[in-house]
PDB file of N, CA and C in Angstrom:
ATOM      1  N   MET A   1       3.111  -5.390 -17.371  1.00  0.00           N
ATOM      2  CA  MET A   1       3.778  -5.380 -16.099  1.00  0.00           C
ATOM      3  C   MET A   1       2.826  -5.944 -15.045  1.00  0.00           C
ATOM      4  N   ARG A   2       3.363  -6.803 -14.189  1.00  0.00           N
ATOM      5  CA  ARG A   2       2.557  -7.334 -13.099  1.00  0.00           C
ATOM      6  C   ARG A   2       2.296  -6.248 -12.066  1.00  0.00           C
ATOM      7  N   GLY A   3       1.238  -6.409 -11.299  1.00  0.00           N
ATOM      8  CA  GLY A   3       0.931  -5.467 -10.235  1.00  0.00           C
ATOM      9  C   GLY A   3       0.192  -6.172  -9.115  1.00  0.00           C
ATOM     10  N   TYR A   4       0.046  -5.511  -8.003  1.00  0.00           N
ATOM     11  CA  TYR A   4      -0.617  -6.088  -6.849  1.00  0.00           C
ATOM     12  C   TYR A   4      -1.652  -5.111  -6.312  1.00  0.00           C
ATOM     13  N   ASP A   5      -2.692  -5.625  -5.701  1.00  0.00           N
ATOM     14  CA  ASP A   5      -3.735  -4.807  -5.095  1.00  0.00           C
ATOM     15  C   ASP A   5      -3.677  -5.016  -3.591  1.00  0.00           C
ATOM     16  N   SER A   6      -3.534  -3.938  -2.862  1.00  0.00           N
ATOM     17  CA  SER A   6      -3.512  -4.009  -1.406  1.00  0.00           C
ATOM     18  C   SER A   6      -4.806  -3.413  -0.878  1.00  0.00           C
ATOM     19  N   HIS A   7      -5.412  -4.044   0.085  1.00  0.00           N
ATOM     20  CA  HIS A   7      -6.702  -3.611   0.614  1.00  0.00           C
ATOM     21  C   HIS A   7      -6.559  -3.392   2.106  1.00  0.00           C
ATOM     22  N   ALA A   8      -6.680  -2.149   2.539  1.00  0.00           N
ATOM     23  CA  ALA A   8      -6.520  -1.825   3.953  1.00  0.00           C
ATOM     24  C   ALA A   8      -7.852  -1.376   4.542  1.00  0.00           C
ATOM     25  N   ILE A   9      -8.214  -1.918   5.683  1.00  0.00           N
ATOM     26  CA  ILE A   9      -9.465  -1.572   6.345  1.00  0.00           C
ATOM     27  C   ILE A   9      -9.150  -0.917   7.688  1.00  0.00           C
ATOM     28  N   HIS A  10      -9.857   0.146   8.004  1.00  0.00           N
ATOM     29  CA  HIS A  10      -9.617   0.884   9.244  1.00  0.00           C
ATOM     30  C   HIS A  10     -10.932   1.104   9.980  1.00  0.00           C
ATOM     31  N   PRO A  11     -10.864   1.522  11.252  1.00  0.00           N
ATOM     32  CA  PRO A  11     -12.074   1.736  12.036  1.00  0.00           C
ATOM     33  C   PRO A  11     -12.991   2.837  11.480  1.00  0.00           C
ATOM     34  N   ARG A  12     -14.060   3.104  12.149  1.00  0.00           N
ATOM     35  CA  ARG A  12     -15.166   3.923  11.671  1.00  0.00           C
ATOM     36  C   ARG A  12     -14.967   5.436  11.586  1.00  0.00           C
ATOM     37  N   PRO A  13     -13.948   6.076  12.063  1.00  0.00           N
ATOM     38  CA  PRO A  13     -13.900   7.540  12.039  1.00  0.00           C
ATOM     39  C   PRO A  13     -14.301   8.106  10.671  1.00  0.00           C
ATOM     40  N   GLU A  14     -14.880   9.285  10.721  1.00  0.00           N
ATOM     41  CA  GLU A  14     -15.396   9.891   9.499  1.00  0.00           C
ATOM     42  C   GLU A  14     -14.729  11.231   9.242  1.00  0.00           C
ATOM     43  N   GLY A  15     -14.978  11.785   8.072  1.00  0.00           N
ATOM     44  CA  GLY A  15     -14.494  13.109   7.717  1.00  0.00           C
ATOM     45  C   GLY A  15     -13.346  13.062   6.737  1.00  0.00           C
ATOM     46  N   ARG A  16     -13.160  14.183   6.053  1.00  0.00           N
ATOM     47  CA  ARG A  16     -12.096  14.262   5.039  1.00  0.00           C
ATOM     48  C   ARG A  16     -10.710  14.133   5.647  1.00  0.00           C
ATOM     49  N   GLY A  17     -10.542  14.661   6.855  1.00  0.00           N
ATOM     50  CA  GLY A  17      -9.244  14.542   7.520  1.00  0.00           C
ATOM     51  C   GLY A  17      -8.871  13.084   7.750  1.00  0.00           C
ATOM     52  N   PHE A  18      -9.856  12.296   8.150  1.00  0.00           N
ATOM     53  CA  PHE A  18      -9.615  10.865   8.346  1.00  0.00           C
ATOM     54  C   PHE A  18      -9.252  10.192   7.035  1.00  0.00           C
ATOM     55  N   LEU A  19      -9.966  10.521   5.956  1.00  0.00           N
ATOM     56  CA  LEU A  19      -9.694   9.883   4.666  1.00  0.00           C
ATOM     57  C   LEU A  19      -8.306  10.250   4.148  1.00  0.00           C
ATOM     58  N   ARG A  20      -7.893  11.504   4.353  1.00  0.00           N
ATOM     59  CA  ARG A  20      -6.529  11.911   3.958  1.00  0.00           C
ATOM     60  C   ARG A  20      -5.487  11.125   4.764  1.00  0.00           C
ATOM     61  N   LEU A  21      -5.743  10.994   6.048  1.00  0.00           N
ATOM     62  CA  LEU A  21      -4.830  10.244   6.913  1.00  0.00           C
ATOM     63  C   LEU A  21      -4.784   8.769   6.504  1.00  0.00           C
ATOM     64  N   LEU A  22      -5.924   8.219   6.150  1.00  0.00           N
ATOM     65  CA  LEU A  22      -6.006   6.836   5.696  1.00  0.00           C
ATOM     66  C   LEU A  22      -5.091   6.599   4.492  1.00  0.00           C
ATOM     67  N   ILE A  23      -5.158   7.492   3.508  1.00  0.00           N
ATOM     68  CA  ILE A  23      -4.294   7.368   2.328  1.00  0.00           C
ATOM     69  C   ILE A  23      -2.834   7.561   2.717  1.00  0.00           C
ATOM     70  N   LYS A  24      -2.553   8.595   3.499  1.00  0.00           N
ATOM     71  CA  LYS A  24      -1.169   8.903   3.878  1.00  0.00           C
ATOM     72  C   LYS A  24      -0.503   7.727   4.586  1.00  0.00           C
ATOM     73  N   ILE A  25      -1.201   7.130   5.529  1.00  0.00           N
ATOM     74  CA  ILE A  25      -0.632   6.000   6.265  1.00  0.00           C
ATOM     75  C   ILE A  25      -0.450   4.787   5.355  1.00  0.00           C
ATOM     76  N   THR A  26      -1.470   4.469   4.566  1.00  0.00           N
ATOM     77  CA  THR A  26      -1.407   3.290   3.700  1.00  0.00           C
ATOM     78  C   THR A  26      -0.275   3.410   2.686  1.00  0.00           C
ATOM     79  N   VAL A  27      -0.186   4.552   2.017  1.00  0.00           N
ATOM     80  CA  VAL A  27       0.881   4.772   1.031  1.00  0.00           C
ATOM     81  C   VAL A  27       2.243   4.787   1.718  1.00  0.00           C
ATOM     82  N   GLY A  28       2.333   5.426   2.876  1.00  0.00           N
ATOM     83  CA  GLY A  28       3.599   5.505   3.604  1.00  0.00           C
ATOM     84  C   GLY A  28       4.107   4.145   4.059  1.00  0.00           C
ATOM     85  N   VAL A  29       3.209   3.297   4.532  1.00  0.00           N
ATOM     86  CA  VAL A  29       3.616   1.956   4.962  1.00  0.00           C
ATOM     87  C   VAL A  29       4.155   1.163   3.772  1.00  0.00           C
ATOM     88  N   CYS A  30       3.489   1.217   2.651  1.00  0.00           N
ATOM     89  CA  CYS A  30       3.967   0.483   1.465  1.00  0.00           C
ATOM     90  C   CYS A  30       5.306   1.026   0.986  1.00  0.00           C
ATOM     91  N   ARG A  31       5.472   2.351   1.000  1.00  0.00           N
ATOM     92  CA  ARG A  31       6.754   2.955   0.627  1.00  0.00           C
ATOM     93  C   ARG A  31       7.873   2.473   1.551  1.00  0.00           C
ATOM     94  N   ASP A  32       7.578   2.475   2.847  1.00  0.00           N
ATOM     95  CA  ASP A  32       8.555   2.033   3.844  1.00  0.00           C
ATOM     96  C   ASP A  32       8.931   0.565   3.631  1.00  0.00           C
ATOM     97  N   PHE A  33       7.943  -0.270   3.353  1.00  0.00           N
ATOM     98  CA  PHE A  33       8.215  -1.684   3.087  1.00  0.00           C
ATOM     99  C   PHE A  33       9.156  -1.839   1.885  1.00  0.00           C
ATOM    100  N   ALA A  34       8.941  -1.069   0.846  1.00  0.00           N
ATOM    101  CA  ALA A  34       9.774  -1.182  -0.353  1.00  0.00           C
ATOM    102  C   ALA A  34      11.221  -0.777  -0.068  1.00  0.00           C
ATOM    103  N   TYR A  35      11.411   0.290   0.702  1.00  0.00           N
ATOM    104  CA  TYR A  35      12.769   0.722   1.024  1.00  0.00           C
ATOM    105  C   TYR A  35      13.494  -0.298   1.895  1.00  0.00           C
ATOM    106  N   ARG A  36      12.759  -0.937   2.799  1.00  0.00           N
ATOM    107  CA  ARG A  36      13.387  -1.862   3.750  1.00  0.00           C
ATOM    108  C   ARG A  36      13.495  -3.298   3.242  1.00  0.00           C
ATOM    109  N   ASP A  37      12.735  -3.639   2.219  1.00  0.00           N
ATOM    110  CA  ASP A  37      12.742  -5.012   1.706  1.00  0.00           C
ATOM    111  C   ASP A  37      14.102  -5.351   1.101  1.00  0.00           C
ATOM    112  N   LYS A  38      14.653  -6.499   1.486  1.00  0.00           N
ATOM    113  CA  LYS A  38      16.000  -6.867   1.026  1.00  0.00           C
ATOM    114  C   LYS A  38      16.063  -7.122  -0.474  1.00  0.00           C
ATOM    115  N   HIS A  39      14.920  -7.452  -1.103  1.00  0.00           N
ATOM    116  CA  HIS A  39      14.909  -7.694  -2.545  1.00  0.00           C
ATOM    117  C   HIS A  39      14.658  -6.414  -3.339  1.00  0.00           C
ATOM    118  N   LEU A  40      13.910  -5.482  -2.781  1.00  0.00           N
ATOM    119  CA  LEU A  40      13.512  -4.288  -3.519  1.00  0.00           C
ATOM    120  C   LEU A  40      14.450  -3.103  -3.280  1.00  0.00           C
ATOM    121  N   ARG A  41      14.600  -2.704  -2.038  1.00  0.00           N
ATOM    122  CA  ARG A  41      15.458  -1.576  -1.647  1.00  0.00           C
ATOM    123  C   ARG A  41      15.334  -0.389  -2.599  1.00  0.00           C
ATOM    124  N   GLY A  42      14.116   0.068  -2.808  1.00  0.00           N
ATOM    125  CA  GLY A  42      13.936   1.185  -3.722  1.00  0.00           C
ATOM    126  C   GLY A  42      12.593   1.856  -3.568  1.00  0.00           C
ATOM    127  N   GLU A  43      12.289   2.693  -4.530  1.00  0.00           N
ATOM    128  CA  GLU A  43      11.064   3.479  -4.518  1.00  0.00           C
ATOM    129  C   GLU A  43      10.017   2.840  -5.418  1.00  0.00           C
ATOM    130  N   ILE A  44       8.790   2.749  -4.908  1.00  0.00           N
ATOM    131  CA  ILE A  44       7.698   2.160  -5.684  1.00  0.00           C
ATOM    132  C   ILE A  44       6.754   3.254  -6.163  1.00  0.00           C
ATOM    133  N   GLY A  45       6.081   2.972  -7.250  1.00  0.00           N
ATOM    134  CA  GLY A  45       5.003   3.829  -7.713  1.00  0.00           C
ATOM    135  C   GLY A  45       3.702   3.303  -7.143  1.00  0.00           C
ATOM    136  N   GLN A  46       2.744   4.194  -6.932  1.00  0.00           N
ATOM    137  CA  GLN A  46       1.465   3.782  -6.369  1.00  0.00           C
ATOM    138  C   GLN A  46       0.345   4.654  -6.910  1.00  0.00           C
ATOM    139  N   SER A  47      -0.783   4.035  -7.143  1.00  0.00           N
ATOM    140  CA  SER A  47      -2.030   4.764  -7.407  1.00  0.00           C
ATOM    141  C   SER A  47      -3.011   4.320  -6.342  1.00  0.00           C
ATOM    142  N   ALA A  48      -3.591   5.298  -5.637  1.00  0.00           N
ATOM    143  CA  ALA A  48      -4.495   4.987  -4.529  1.00  0.00           C
ATOM    144  C   ALA A  48      -5.893   5.514  -4.824  1.00  0.00           C
ATOM    145  N   VAL A  49      -6.887   4.719  -4.441  1.00  0.00           N
ATOM    146  CA  VAL A  49      -8.290   5.104  -4.558  1.00  0.00           C
ATOM    147  C   VAL A  49      -8.956   4.825  -3.216  1.00  0.00           C
ATOM    148  N   VAL A  50      -9.689   5.801  -2.701  1.00  0.00           N
ATOM    149  CA  VAL A  50     -10.420   5.620  -1.450  1.00  0.00           C
ATOM    150  C   VAL A  50     -11.873   5.316  -1.778  1.00  0.00           C
ATOM    151  N   HIS A  51     -12.371   4.255  -1.201  1.00  0.00           N
ATOM    152  CA  HIS A  51     -13.795   3.948  -1.266  1.00  0.00           C
ATOM    153  C   HIS A  51     -14.360   4.174   0.128  1.00  0.00           C
ATOM    154  N   THR A  52     -15.509   4.815   0.207  1.00  0.00           N
ATOM    155  CA  THR A  52     -16.097   5.087   1.516  1.00  0.00           C
ATOM    156  C   THR A  52     -17.291   4.205   1.833  1.00  0.00           C
ATOM    157  N   HIS A  53     -17.848   3.539   0.823  1.00  0.00           N
ATOM    158  CA  HIS A  53     -19.040   2.722   1.043  1.00  0.00           C
ATOM    159  C   HIS A  53     -18.941   1.400   0.276  1.00  0.00           C
ATOM    160  N   THR A  54     -19.689   0.427   0.753  1.00  0.00           N
ATOM    161  CA  THR A  54     -19.787  -0.847   0.052  1.00  0.00           C
ATOM    162  C   THR A  54     -20.821  -0.728  -1.063  1.00  0.00           C
ATOM    163  N   ARG A  55     -21.023  -1.787  -1.809  1.00  0.00           N
ATOM    164  CA  ARG A  55     -22.063  -1.797  -2.851  1.00  0.00           C
ATOM    165  C   ARG A  55     -23.450  -1.612  -2.267  1.00  0.00           C
ATOM    166  N   ARG A  56     -23.628  -2.041  -1.018  1.00  0.00           N
ATOM    167  CA  ARG A  56     -24.921  -1.877  -0.344  1.00  0.00           C
ATOM    168  C   ARG A  56     -25.038  -0.510   0.330  1.00  0.00           C
ATOM    169  N   LEU A  57     -24.058   0.342   0.099  1.00  0.00           N
ATOM    170  CA  LEU A  57     -24.001   1.700   0.640  1.00  0.00           C
ATOM    171  C   LEU A  57     -23.802   1.748   2.154  1.00  0.00           C
ATOM    172  N   ASP A  58     -23.212   0.697   2.718  1.00  0.00           N
ATOM    173  CA  ASP A  58     -22.790   0.722   4.116  1.00  0.00           C
ATOM    174  C   ASP A  58     -21.483   1.506   4.204  1.00  0.00           C
ATOM    175  N   TYR A  59     -21.321   2.306   5.253  1.00  0.00           N
ATOM    176  CA  TYR A  59     -20.075   3.058   5.419  1.00  0.00           C
ATOM    177  C   TYR A  59     -18.942   2.088   5.734  1.00  0.00           C
ATOM    178  N   HIS A  60     -17.930   2.075   4.888  1.00  0.00           N
ATOM    179  CA  HIS A  60     -16.812   1.137   5.019  1.00  0.00           C
ATOM    180  C   HIS A  60     -15.590   1.741   4.320  1.00  0.00           C
ATOM    181  N   PRO A  61     -14.925   2.708   4.960  1.00  0.00           N
ATOM    182  CA  PRO A  61     -13.781   3.356   4.308  1.00  0.00           C
ATOM    183  C   PRO A  61     -12.612   2.391   4.138  1.00  0.00           C
ATOM    184  N   HIS A  62     -12.072   2.356   2.938  1.00  0.00           N
ATOM    185  CA  HIS A  62     -10.914   1.513   2.665  1.00  0.00           C
ATOM    186  C   HIS A  62     -10.174   2.056   1.441  1.00  0.00           C
ATOM    187  N   VAL A  63      -8.928   1.642   1.309  1.00  0.00           N
ATOM    188  CA  VAL A  63      -8.055   2.111   0.231  1.00  0.00           C
ATOM    189  C   VAL A  63      -7.677   0.945  -0.655  1.00  0.00           C
ATOM    190  N   HIS A  64      -7.726   1.163  -1.959  1.00  0.00           N
ATOM    191  CA  HIS A  64      -7.192   0.210  -2.928  1.00  0.00           C
ATOM    192  C   HIS A  64      -5.922   0.822  -3.497  1.00  0.00           C
ATOM    193  N   LEU A  65      -4.862   0.038  -3.553  1.00  0.00           N
ATOM    194  CA  LEU A  65      -3.604   0.489  -4.149  1.00  0.00           C
ATOM    195  C   LEU A  65      -3.251  -0.392  -5.340  1.00  0.00           C
ATOM    196  N   VAL A  66      -2.779   0.237  -6.393  1.00  0.00           N
ATOM    197  CA  VAL A  66      -2.197  -0.495  -7.508  1.00  0.00           C
ATOM    198  C   VAL A  66      -0.718  -0.131  -7.491  1.00  0.00           C
ATOM    199  N   ILE A  67       0.119  -1.161  -7.358  1.00  0.00           N
ATOM    200  CA  ILE A  67       1.564  -0.967  -7.216  1.00  0.00           C
ATOM    201  C   ILE A  67       2.269  -1.851  -8.228  1.00  0.00           C
ATOM    202  N   PRO A  68       3.210  -1.306  -9.014  1.00  0.00           N
ATOM    203  CA  PRO A  68       3.999  -2.160  -9.910  1.00  0.00           C
ATOM    204  C   PRO A  68       4.728  -3.246  -9.117  1.00  0.00           C
ATOM    205  N   ALA A  69       5.079  -4.311  -9.763  1.00  0.00           N
ATOM    206  CA  ALA A  69       5.676  -5.470  -9.097  1.00  0.00           C
ATOM    207  C   ALA A  69       7.171  -5.323  -8.887  1.00  0.00           C
ATOM    208  N   GLY A  70       7.619  -4.126  -8.577  1.00  0.00           N
ATOM    209  CA  GLY A  70       9.030  -3.911  -8.343  1.00  0.00           C
ATOM    210  C   GLY A  70       9.282  -2.499  -7.848  1.00  0.00           C
ATOM    211  N   ALA A  71      10.562  -2.167  -7.684  1.00  0.00           N
ATOM    212  CA  ALA A  71      10.971  -0.856  -7.181  1.00  0.00           C
ATOM    213  C   ALA A  71      12.174  -0.355  -7.959  1.00  0.00           C
ATOM    214  N   VAL A  72      12.322   0.953  -7.969  1.00  0.00           N
ATOM    215  CA  VAL A  72      13.442   1.592  -8.668  1.00  0.00           C
ATOM    216  C   VAL A  72      14.474   2.046  -7.639  1.00  0.00           C
ATOM    217  N   ASP A  73      15.722   1.662  -7.861  1.00  0.00           N
ATOM    218  CA  ASP A  73      16.845   2.191  -7.091  1.00  0.00           C
ATOM    219  C   ASP A  73      17.389   3.347  -7.917  1.00  0.00           C
ATOM    220  N   SER A  74      17.037   4.575  -7.550  1.00  0.00           N
ATOM    221  CA  SER A  74      17.398   5.733  -8.366  1.00  0.00           C
ATOM    222  C   SER A  74      18.896   6.033  -8.349  1.00  0.00           C
ATOM    223  N   LYS A  75      19.588   5.648  -7.295  1.00  0.00           N
ATOM    224  CA  LYS A  75      21.034   5.883  -7.240  1.00  0.00           C
ATOM    225  C   LYS A  75      21.779   5.017  -8.250  1.00  0.00           C
ATOM    226  N   ARG A  76      21.342   3.761  -8.371  1.00  0.00           N
ATOM    227  CA  ARG A  76      22.006   2.833  -9.294  1.00  0.00           C
ATOM    228  C   ARG A  76      21.287   2.718 -10.631  1.00  0.00           C
ATOM    229  N   ARG A  77      20.145   3.417 -10.765  1.00  0.00           N
ATOM    230  CA  ARG A  77      19.326   3.357 -11.981  1.00  0.00           C
ATOM    231  C   ARG A  77      19.000   1.901 -12.321  1.00  0.00           C
ATOM    232  N   LEU A  78      18.392   1.239 -11.322  1.00  0.00           N
ATOM    233  CA  LEU A  78      18.160  -0.187 -11.417  1.00  0.00           C
ATOM    234  C   LEU A  78      16.718  -0.511 -11.019  1.00  0.00           C
ATOM    235  N   TRP A  79      16.080  -1.404 -11.783  1.00  0.00           N
ATOM    236  CA  TRP A  79      14.743  -1.901 -11.473  1.00  0.00           C
ATOM    237  C   TRP A  79      14.895  -3.239 -10.773  1.00  0.00           C
ATOM    238  N   ARG A  80      14.228  -3.398  -9.632  1.00  0.00           N
ATOM    239  CA  ARG A  80      14.291  -4.649  -8.890  1.00  0.00           C
ATOM    240  C   ARG A  80      12.884  -5.200  -8.692  1.00  0.00           C
ATOM    241  N   GLU A  81      12.760  -6.512  -8.865  1.00  0.00           N
ATOM    242  CA  GLU A  81      11.496  -7.190  -8.607  1.00  0.00           C
ATOM    243  C   GLU A  81      11.677  -8.174  -7.465  1.00  0.00           C
ATOM    244  N   ASN A  82      10.609  -8.398  -6.744  1.00  0.00           N
ATOM    245  CA  ASN A  82      10.610  -9.424  -5.716  1.00  0.00           C
ATOM    246  C   ASN A  82      10.172 -10.717  -6.393  1.00  0.00           C
ATOM    247  N   LYS A  83      11.016 -11.695  -6.436  1.00  0.00           N
ATOM    248  CA  LYS A  83      10.763 -12.937  -7.179  1.00  0.00           C
ATOM    249  C   LYS A  83       9.923 -13.950  -6.404  1.00  0.00           C
ATOM    250  N   THR A  84       9.424 -13.579  -5.231  1.00  0.00           N
ATOM    251  CA  THR A  84       8.671 -14.532  -4.412  1.00  0.00           C
ATOM    252  C   THR A  84       7.225 -14.703  -4.872  1.00  0.00           C
ATOM    253  N   GLY A  85       6.749 -13.887  -5.792  1.00  0.00           N
ATOM    254  CA  GLY A  85       5.363 -13.966  -6.245  1.00  0.00           C
ATOM    255  C   GLY A  85       4.465 -12.929  -5.600  1.00  0.00           C
ATOM    256  N   PHE A  86       4.937 -12.312  -4.511  1.00  0.00           N
ATOM    257  CA  PHE A  86       4.196 -11.252  -3.832  1.00  0.00           C
ATOM    258  C   PHE A  86       5.140 -10.087  -3.598  1.00  0.00           C
ATOM    259  N   LEU A  87       4.611  -8.885  -3.703  1.00  0.00           N
ATOM    260  CA  LEU A  87       5.459  -7.721  -3.480  1.00  0.00           C
ATOM    261  C   LEU A  87       5.867  -7.634  -2.013  1.00  0.00           C
ATOM    262  N   PHE A  88       4.889  -7.799  -1.112  1.00  0.00           N
ATOM    263  CA  PHE A  88       5.141  -7.778   0.330  1.00  0.00           C
ATOM    264  C   PHE A  88       4.389  -8.932   0.990  1.00  0.00           C
ATOM    265  N   SER A  89       4.818  -9.285   2.185  1.00  0.00           N
ATOM    266  CA  SER A  89       4.110 -10.281   2.979  1.00  0.00           C
ATOM    267  C   SER A  89       2.808  -9.667   3.494  1.00  0.00           C
ATOM    268  N   HIS A  90       1.671 -10.299   3.194  1.00  0.00           N
ATOM    269  CA  HIS A  90       0.394  -9.750   3.661  1.00  0.00           C
ATOM    270  C   HIS A  90       0.290  -9.784   5.186  1.00  0.00           C
ATOM    271  N   LYS A  91       0.930 -10.752   5.811  1.00  0.00           N
ATOM    272  CA  LYS A  91       0.905 -10.817   7.274  1.00  0.00           C
ATOM    273  C   LYS A  91       1.685  -9.648   7.884  1.00  0.00           C
ATOM    274  N   ALA A  92       2.847  -9.354   7.316  1.00  0.00           N
ATOM    275  CA  ALA A  92       3.648  -8.231   7.817  1.00  0.00           C
ATOM    276  C   ALA A  92       2.931  -6.903   7.587  1.00  0.00           C
ATOM    277  N   LEU A  93       2.284  -6.742   6.434  1.00  0.00           N
ATOM    278  CA  LEU A  93       1.521  -5.519   6.160  1.00  0.00           C
ATOM    279  C   LEU A  93       0.371  -5.362   7.152  1.00  0.00           C
ATOM    280  N   ALA A  94      -0.368  -6.439   7.391  1.00  0.00           N
ATOM    281  CA  ALA A  94      -1.503  -6.377   8.313  1.00  0.00           C
ATOM    282  C   ALA A  94      -1.045  -6.001   9.717  1.00  0.00           C
ATOM    283  N   THR A  95       0.062  -6.589  10.154  1.00  0.00           N
ATOM    284  CA  THR A  95       0.603  -6.282  11.476  1.00  0.00           C
ATOM    285  C   THR A  95       0.991  -4.814  11.566  1.00  0.00           C
ATOM    286  N   ARG A  96       1.644  -4.309  10.544  1.00  0.00           N
ATOM    287  CA  ARG A  96       2.085  -2.910  10.521  1.00  0.00           C
ATOM    288  C   ARG A  96       0.896  -1.950  10.490  1.00  0.00           C
ATOM    289  N   MET A  97      -0.108  -2.265   9.672  1.00  0.00           N
ATOM    290  CA  MET A  97      -1.267  -1.381   9.558  1.00  0.00           C
ATOM    291  C   MET A  97      -2.069  -1.358  10.863  1.00  0.00           C
ATOM    292  N   GLU A  98      -2.125  -2.467  11.568  1.00  0.00           N
ATOM    293  CA  GLU A  98      -2.853  -2.514  12.847  1.00  0.00           C
ATOM    294  C   GLU A  98      -2.153  -1.661  13.896  1.00  0.00           C
ATOM    295  N   GLY A  99      -0.860  -1.448  13.736  1.00  0.00           N
ATOM    296  CA  GLY A  99      -0.102  -0.651  14.685  1.00  0.00           C
ATOM    297  C   GLY A  99      -0.325   0.845  14.561  1.00  0.00           C
ATOM    298  N   HIS A 100      -0.976   1.294  13.495  1.00  0.00           N
ATOM    299  CA  HIS A 100      -1.222   2.725  13.300  1.00  0.00           C
ATOM    300  C   HIS A 100      -2.518   3.130  13.933  1.00  0.00           C
TER     301      HIS A 100
END
């Protein structure tokens, strides 16, 4: 199954509360995109990993998401894929994430 990796970067705030919020917002935005997308209109699965530092050990909190290349419409029991080659528009995601 194809999948996509989304990389979200946020400002410097620290603490576990911030990291929980980082995951919640990132996962929520992707979920919202899947429900609203005219090709998908369904629920996506996601696995999220938070990294707090770079390889050089600089503080750089960010989230990696692994998302299947489609969504499930549970009412119709239907799997839908976005045939454009990308699950979501990276420009639209960036704009949405900057708004949080």
